[in-house]
Protein backbone atom coordinates (compact mmCIF):
# COMPACT_ATOMS: atom_id res chain seq x y z
CA MET A 1 -17.89 -41.24 121.63
CA LEU A 2 -19.10 -38.96 118.79
CA PRO A 3 -17.08 -38.15 115.96
CA CYS A 4 -15.91 -34.61 115.37
CA GLU A 5 -18.84 -32.24 113.89
CA SER A 6 -16.94 -31.77 110.64
CA GLU A 7 -16.85 -35.83 110.51
CA GLN A 8 -20.52 -35.75 111.33
CA LYS A 9 -20.85 -33.19 108.34
CA SER A 10 -19.11 -35.42 105.72
CA ILE A 11 -20.63 -38.85 107.09
CA ALA A 12 -23.98 -36.61 106.67
CA THR A 13 -23.32 -35.79 103.12
CA ILE A 14 -22.40 -38.90 102.04
CA LEU A 15 -25.24 -40.44 102.95
CA SER A 16 -27.53 -38.01 101.55
CA SER A 17 -26.22 -38.28 98.22
CA ALA A 18 -26.57 -42.42 98.80
CA ASP A 19 -30.54 -41.43 99.53
CA SER A 20 -30.95 -39.07 96.40
CA GLU A 21 -29.39 -41.73 94.47
CA ILE A 22 -31.50 -44.72 95.73
CA ASN A 23 -34.57 -42.76 95.25
CA ALA A 24 -33.84 -42.19 91.83
CA LEU A 25 -33.00 -45.51 91.10
CA GLU A 26 -36.22 -46.62 92.50
CA LYS A 27 -38.31 -43.92 90.14
CA LYS A 28 -36.42 -45.66 87.41
CA LEU A 29 -37.12 -49.00 88.61
CA ALA A 30 -40.96 -48.13 88.81
CA LEU A 31 -41.14 -46.59 85.04
CA LEU A 32 -39.15 -50.10 83.57
CA ARG A 33 -41.69 -52.23 85.61
CA ASP A 34 -44.46 -50.43 84.11
CA GLN A 35 -43.24 -50.24 80.49
CA LYS A 36 -42.58 -54.00 80.63
CA LYS A 37 -46.52 -54.28 82.18
CA ASP A 38 -47.64 -52.09 79.16
CA LEU A 39 -44.93 -54.13 76.34
CA LEU A 40 -46.12 -57.80 77.22
CA ASN A 41 -49.67 -56.39 77.71
CA ASN A 42 -49.27 -55.69 74.34
CA LEU A 43 -47.55 -58.87 73.22
CA VAL A 44 -50.17 -60.83 74.77
CA THR A 45 -53.28 -58.40 72.98
CA GLY A 46 -51.50 -58.72 69.68
CA THR A 47 -51.39 -55.13 69.45
CA ILE A 48 -47.73 -55.20 68.43
CA ARG A 49 -46.32 -58.43 67.19
CA LEU A 50 -42.35 -59.65 66.77
CA PRO A 51 -40.75 -59.63 63.63
CA GLU A 52 -39.48 -63.27 64.06
CA PHE A 53 -43.32 -64.31 64.68
CA CYS A 54 -44.77 -62.29 61.33
CA LYS A 55 -42.97 -64.20 58.93
CA GLU A 56 -44.43 -65.97 55.98
CA VAL A 57 -44.14 -69.87 56.51
CA GLY A 58 -43.66 -70.97 53.30
């Protein structure tokens, strides 16, 4: 037994919306991973420094 056509369309709309949201979140995750990689690389190479480690020891 299949649901009626209008219910099938409603389900398809919900699933399409969820799929679009998943794709957008996957893109955002990829961007955040790239940003993390770049920041860690800059910290390791000394290109940027954290303020708490730049204080003069006295």
